[in-house]
């Protein structure tokens, strides 16, 4: 009678969950470390949220009273004369707008160079990337002093254009980093397909790579705009401020951050109230920009 070979029974290895629920010393220690780490993460999250909401609560409580029609139509005036923030709001819009118009194209071109021309000159690429990272972490007051020495001192006067140049230097590294990262996410197959169809390199970059990464590039520009919207130190050395209407880029120009800096430490109640209102306006604007960026990223992921 023929005997058939018996197949050996293979015992299933215990799953990770079973090992995790064990009662050995190492399992107990692992569970304790996990619970402690989870508790610390939740505590840090709650602490950060409490700090954020406390700042927003203080800003709303102290600044919402100044959201009146006078604040948006009157210029800054001496204490007790019912002044507003119209010139500061317009000056901030002009200077940040010019900064983005100057800095965004430069950062876009540099980001394209770093992402698409890596095979040309490795040393130059590394040097440009190093300078960009250095500017990204440089204190804004040093940027203001630099523009003060090369623009304000030779011209002999402060100006809104000098303030825009200082802010544009803060815009450039943010746009460079986001543009390079977004272009690197474009699949290589899309580049190869464009080149295989006979498209020159500039057309491939412009109509294929940038078109595929346009949402990420736009996000970087918005983040750069949000960063420079509340900068004070560079404007103290460049545009200085102006109590009157001034929309000429060649003259000193008011801005919300500088006005807040001047009014916050004043001994007059109306100036202090306007400082809180200006801070609320800047915070609301930056918050709306960040929410727009988040919504855009969420839509793109879908």
Protein backbone atom coordinates (compact mmCIF):
# COMPACT_ATOMS: atom_id res chain seq x y z
CA UNK A 1 0.00 0.00 0.00
CA UNK A 2 1.58 3.25 -1.14
CA UNK A 3 2.13 5.92 1.38
CA UNK A 4 1.74 9.53 0.42
CA UNK A 5 4.16 12.06 1.81
CA UNK A 6 2.56 14.27 4.37
CA UNK A 7 2.92 17.99 3.90
CA UNK A 8 4.34 19.69 6.93
CA UNK A 9 2.01 22.02 8.72
CA UNK A 10 3.23 25.58 8.80
CA UNK A 11 2.32 27.53 11.88
CA UNK A 12 1.33 31.07 11.16
CA UNK A 13 3.62 33.61 12.70
CA UNK A 14 1.97 35.79 15.26
CA UNK A 15 0.82 39.04 13.76
CA UNK A 16 2.19 42.37 14.84
CA UNK A 17 -0.97 43.12 16.80
CA UNK A 18 -0.63 39.91 18.80
CA UNK A 19 2.98 40.63 19.60
CA UNK A 20 2.00 44.18 20.56
CA UNK A 21 -0.57 42.84 23.04
CA UNK A 22 1.94 40.55 24.70
CA UNK A 23 2.78 40.63 28.39
CA UNK A 24 6.53 40.52 28.18
CA UNK A 25 8.63 43.29 29.63
CA UNK A 26 9.53 44.65 26.21
CA UNK A 27 5.85 44.71 25.13
CA UNK A 28 4.79 46.55 28.26
CA UNK A 29 7.60 49.07 27.85
CA UNK A 30 6.66 49.57 24.19
CA UNK A 31 3.03 50.27 25.09
CA UNK A 32 4.05 52.72 27.80
CA UNK A 33 6.34 54.61 25.42
CA UNK A 34 3.57 54.72 22.81
CA UNK A 35 1.04 56.13 25.27
CA UNK A 36 3.48 58.72 26.61
CA UNK A 37 4.42 59.84 23.08
CA UNK A 38 0.76 60.02 22.04
CA UNK A 39 -0.13 62.03 25.13
CA UNK A 40 2.73 64.46 24.50
CA UNK A 41 1.66 64.91 20.87
CA UNK A 42 -1.92 65.66 21.88
CA UNK A 43 -0.75 68.04 24.60
CA UNK A 44 1.50 69.91 22.14
CA UNK A 45 -1.36 70.15 19.63
CA UNK A 46 -3.77 71.50 22.21
CA UNK A 47 -1.15 73.99 23.44
CA UNK A 48 -0.51 75.33 19.95
CA UNK A 49 -4.24 75.62 19.24
CA UNK A 50 -4.80 77.43 22.53
CA UNK A 51 -2.02 79.87 21.70
CA UNK A 52 -3.45 80.49 18.23
CA UNK A 53 -7.01 81.01 19.40
CA UNK A 54 -5.88 83.19 22.31
CA UNK A 55 -4.03 85.47 19.89
CA UNK A 56 -7.04 85.63 17.60
CA UNK A 57 -9.36 86.26 20.56
CA UNK A 58 -7.23 89.16 21.84
CA UNK A 59 -6.98 90.66 18.35
CA UNK A 60 -10.72 90.44 17.76
CA UNK A 61 -11.60 91.76 21.22
CA UNK A 62 -9.28 94.78 20.97
CA UNK A 63 -9.43 95.43 17.24
CA UNK A 64 -13.02 94.87 16.17
CA UNK A 65 -14.08 98.18 17.71
CA UNK A 66 -11.95 100.05 15.20
CA UNK A 67 -13.57 98.46 12.14
CA UNK A 68 -15.45 101.61 11.23
CA UNK A 69 -15.93 103.51 8.01
CA UNK A 70 -13.59 106.24 9.25
CA UNK A 71 -10.75 103.75 9.60
CA UNK A 72 -10.87 102.89 5.90
CA UNK A 73 -11.38 106.38 4.44
CA UNK A 74 -9.31 108.69 6.69
CA UNK A 75 -5.55 108.92 6.72
CA UNK A 76 -3.45 108.73 9.86
CA UNK A 77 -3.85 111.94 11.88
CA UNK A 78 -2.48 113.35 15.15
CA UNK A 79 -4.04 112.02 18.35
CA UNK A 80 -7.61 113.04 19.07
CA UNK A 81 -8.54 113.93 15.46
CA UNK A 82 -10.39 110.74 14.45
CA UNK A 83 -7.73 109.46 12.10
CA UNK A 84 -7.85 106.24 10.14
CA UNK A 85 -5.60 103.78 8.35
CA UNK A 86 -6.49 104.44 4.71
CA UNK A 87 -3.03 105.58 3.65
CA UNK A 88 -1.38 102.71 5.54
CA UNK A 89 -3.67 100.13 3.94
CA UNK A 90 -3.12 101.49 0.43
CA UNK A 91 0.63 101.79 1.04
CA UNK A 92 0.85 98.18 2.19
CA UNK A 93 -1.08 97.00 -0.86
CA UNK A 94 1.18 98.98 -3.20
CA UNK A 95 4.44 97.84 -1.62
CA UNK A 96 3.49 94.17 -1.30
CA UNK A 97 2.07 94.20 -4.81
CA UNK A 98 5.28 95.66 -6.24
CA UNK A 99 7.33 93.20 -4.19
CA UNK A 100 5.46 90.25 -5.68
CA UNK A 101 5.66 91.69 -9.19
CA UNK A 102 9.43 92.10 -8.80
CA UNK A 103 10.30 89.02 -6.80
CA UNK A 104 7.95 86.38 -8.20
CA UNK A 105 9.33 86.38 -11.80
CA UNK A 106 12.91 86.30 -10.50
CA UNK A 107 12.15 83.45 -8.14
CA UNK A 108 10.24 81.62 -10.87
CA UNK A 109 13.16 81.83 -13.30
CA UNK A 110 15.70 80.76 -10.69
CA UNK A 111 13.49 77.85 -9.62
CA UNK A 112 13.18 76.71 -13.26
CA UNK A 113 16.95 76.90 -13.62
CA UNK A 114 17.56 74.81 -10.50
CA UNK A 115 15.00 72.17 -11.48
CA UNK A 116 15.49 71.88 -15.24
CA UNK A 117 19.17 72.63 -15.87
CA UNK A 118 20.85 70.42 -13.29
CA UNK A 119 23.07 68.77 -15.90
CA UNK A 120 24.68 72.00 -17.11
CA UNK A 121 26.88 73.13 -14.22
CA UNK A 122 26.63 71.31 -10.92
CA UNK A 123 28.83 73.74 -9.00
CA UNK A 124 26.85 76.76 -10.12
CA UNK A 125 23.57 74.98 -9.31
CA UNK A 126 24.77 74.18 -5.80
CA UNK A 127 25.98 77.75 -5.28
CA UNK A 128 22.66 79.25 -6.41
CA UNK A 129 20.72 76.82 -4.21
CA UNK A 130 22.96 77.70 -1.25
CA UNK A 131 22.40 81.43 -1.74
CA UNK A 132 18.66 80.86 -2.04
CA UNK A 133 18.57 78.86 1.19
CA UNK A 134 20.67 81.55 2.87
CA UNK A 135 18.20 84.25 1.83
CA UNK A 136 15.32 82.08 3.00
CA UNK A 137 16.69 82.05 6.54
CA UNK A 138 18.19 85.56 6.60
CA UNK A 139 16.71 88.01 9.15
CA UNK A 140 14.48 90.53 7.42
CA UNK A 141 16.16 93.45 9.18
CA UNK A 142 19.43 92.60 7.41
CA UNK A 143 17.62 92.72 4.08
CA UNK A 144 16.26 96.15 5.03
CA UNK A 145 19.75 97.39 5.94
CA UNK A 146 21.12 96.07 2.65
CA UNK A 147 18.52 97.96 0.60
CA UNK A 148 19.08 101.01 2.79
CA UNK A 149 22.77 101.03 1.90
CA UNK A 150 22.39 100.42 -1.85
CA UNK A 151 19.16 102.34 -2.57
CA UNK A 152 18.22 104.79 0.18
CA UNK A 153 21.68 106.21 0.89
CA UNK A 154 22.64 106.83 -2.78
CA UNK A 155 19.24 108.36 -3.57
CA UNK A 156 19.24 110.47 -0.42
CA UNK A 157 15.64 109.74 0.63
CA UNK A 158 13.29 106.97 1.69
CA UNK A 159 10.78 105.62 -0.81
CA UNK A 160 8.07 103.08 -1.31
CA UNK A 161 10.10 101.54 -4.12
CA UNK A 162 12.94 100.84 -1.71
CA UNK A 163 10.45 99.14 0.59
CA UNK A 164 9.14 97.05 -2.29
CA UNK A 165 12.69 96.03 -3.23
CA UNK A 166 13.38 94.94 0.34
CA UNK A 167 10.20 92.89 0.44
CA UNK A 168 10.93 91.40 -2.99
CA UNK A 169 14.19 89.98 -1.65
CA UNK A 170 12.09 88.06 0.87
CA UNK A 171 9.72 86.89 -1.85
CA UNK A 172 12.41 85.46 -4.12
CA UNK A 173 13.71 82.55 -1.97
CA UNK A 174 10.19 81.34 -1.11
CA UNK A 175 9.19 81.26 -4.79
CA UNK A 176 12.50 79.63 -5.73
CA UNK A 177 12.04 76.80 -3.26
CA UNK A 178 8.40 76.07 -4.14
CA UNK A 179 8.99 76.33 -7.89
CA UNK A 180 11.93 73.95 -7.79
CA UNK A 181 10.08 71.43 -5.62
CA UNK A 182 6.93 71.54 -7.75
CA UNK A 183 8.83 71.12 -11.03
CA UNK A 184 10.71 68.14 -9.63
CA UNK A 185 7.37 66.45 -8.99
CA UNK A 186 6.48 66.56 -12.70
CA UNK A 187 7.00 63.04 -14.11
CA UNK A 188 9.97 62.53 -16.38
CA UNK A 189 7.72 60.77 -18.90
CA UNK A 190 5.94 64.07 -19.63
CA UNK A 191 9.25 65.73 -20.47
CA UNK A 192 10.33 62.82 -22.64
CA UNK A 193 7.00 62.82 -24.49
CA UNK A 194 7.27 66.53 -25.27
CA UNK A 195 10.85 66.16 -26.52
CA UNK A 196 9.90 63.08 -28.57
CA UNK A 197 7.23 65.15 -30.33
CA UNK A 198 9.92 67.63 -31.37
CA UNK A 199 9.20 70.39 -28.87
CA UNK A 200 12.21 72.57 -28.00
CA UNK A 201 13.33 72.68 -24.42
CA UNK A 202 11.85 76.10 -23.64
CA UNK A 203 8.46 75.03 -24.98
CA UNK A 204 8.61 71.82 -22.96
CA UNK A 205 9.32 73.77 -19.77
CA UNK A 206 6.74 76.47 -20.44
CA UNK A 207 3.81 74.44 -21.79
CA UNK A 208 4.35 71.06 -20.11
CA UNK A 209 6.28 71.37 -16.85
CA UNK A 210 5.00 74.74 -15.68
CA UNK A 211 1.48 73.92 -16.78
CA UNK A 212 1.54 70.71 -14.75
CA UNK A 213 2.97 72.48 -11.69
CA UNK A 214 1.04 75.74 -11.96
CA UNK A 215 -1.05 75.13 -8.82
CA UNK A 216 2.03 74.52 -6.69
CA UNK A 217 3.84 77.52 -8.14
CA UNK A 218 0.83 79.75 -7.47
CA UNK A 219 0.72 78.40 -3.92
CA UNK A 220 4.34 79.41 -3.41
CA UNK A 221 3.65 82.92 -4.62
CA UNK A 222 0.70 83.24 -2.25
CA UNK A 223 2.81 81.98 0.66
CA UNK A 224 5.50 84.52 -0.19
CA UNK A 225 2.83 87.23 -0.26
CA UNK A 226 1.60 86.12 3.16
CA UNK A 227 5.13 86.23 4.54
CA UNK A 228 5.97 89.77 3.46
CA UNK A 229 2.56 91.23 4.32
CA UNK A 230 3.45 91.65 7.98
CA UNK A 231 7.13 92.56 7.72
CA UNK A 232 8.07 95.70 9.64
CA UNK A 233 11.86 95.80 9.98
CA UNK A 234 12.70 96.13 6.25
CA UNK A 235 10.21 98.99 5.83
CA UNK A 236 11.63 100.97 8.75
CA UNK A 237 14.89 101.37 6.82
CA UNK A 238 13.41 101.84 3.35
CA UNK A 239 9.91 103.36 3.03
CA UNK A 240 9.95 104.82 6.60
CA UNK A 241 6.25 105.77 6.66
CA UNK A 242 4.10 108.78 5.87
CA UNK A 243 1.27 110.45 7.77
CA UNK A 244 -0.27 111.75 4.52
CA UNK A 245 -1.48 110.24 1.28
CA UNK A 246 1.44 108.99 -0.77
CA UNK A 247 1.02 106.60 -3.66
CA UNK A 248 4.16 107.71 -5.51
CA UNK A 249 6.78 104.92 -5.31
CA UNK A 250 9.58 107.48 -5.25
CA UNK A 251 8.43 109.07 -1.96
CA UNK A 252 8.13 107.80 1.63
CA UNK A 253 5.06 105.61 1.91
CA UNK A 254 2.91 104.50 4.80
CA UNK A 255 2.30 100.83 5.59
CA UNK A 256 0.26 98.90 8.10
CA UNK A 257 3.20 97.15 9.83
CA UNK A 258 5.10 100.40 10.39
CA UNK A 259 1.94 102.20 11.54
CA UNK A 260 1.23 99.42 14.02
CA UNK A 261 4.80 99.65 15.29
CA UNK A 262 4.48 103.41 15.78
CA UNK A 263 1.00 103.38 17.29
CA UNK A 264 1.30 100.34 19.57
CA UNK A 265 3.72 102.03 21.96
CA UNK A 266 1.97 105.41 21.94
CA UNK A 267 0.38 106.90 25.05
CA UNK A 268 -2.83 107.83 23.22
CA UNK A 269 -5.86 105.56 23.42
CA UNK A 270 -7.07 106.23 19.86
CA UNK A 271 -3.65 105.39 18.40
CA UNK A 272 -3.49 102.18 20.43
CA UNK A 273 -6.96 101.19 19.23
CA UNK A 274 -5.92 101.78 15.62
CA UNK A 275 -2.82 99.66 16.19
CA UNK A 276 -5.05 96.77 17.33
CA UNK A 277 -7.32 97.27 14.32
CA UNK A 278 -4.35 97.28 11.94
CA UNK A 279 -3.02 94.08 13.50
CA UNK A 280 -6.45 92.48 13.08
CA UNK A 281 -6.56 93.50 9.41
CA UNK A 282 -3.10 92.05 8.68
CA UNK A 283 -3.86 88.83 10.57
CA UNK A 284 -7.18 88.42 8.76
CA UNK A 285 -5.54 88.99 5.39
CA UNK A 286 -2.74 86.48 6.06
CA UNK A 287 -5.25 83.97 7.43
CA UNK A 288 -7.41 84.28 4.32
CA UNK A 289 -4.39 83.76 2.08
CA UNK A 290 -3.38 80.62 3.98
CA UNK A 291 -6.94 79.28 3.89
CA UNK A 292 -7.03 79.88 0.13
CA UNK A 293 -3.76 77.99 -0.24
CA UNK A 294 -5.02 75.07 1.85
CA UNK A 295 -8.28 74.86 -0.08
CA UNK A 296 -6.40 74.97 -3.36
CA UNK A 297 -4.05 72.18 -2.29
CA UNK A 298 -6.94 70.07 -1.06
CA UNK A 299 -8.78 70.49 -4.36
CA UNK A 300 -5.66 69.53 -6.32
CA UNK A 301 -5.15 66.37 -4.28
CA UNK A 302 -8.65 65.23 -5.18
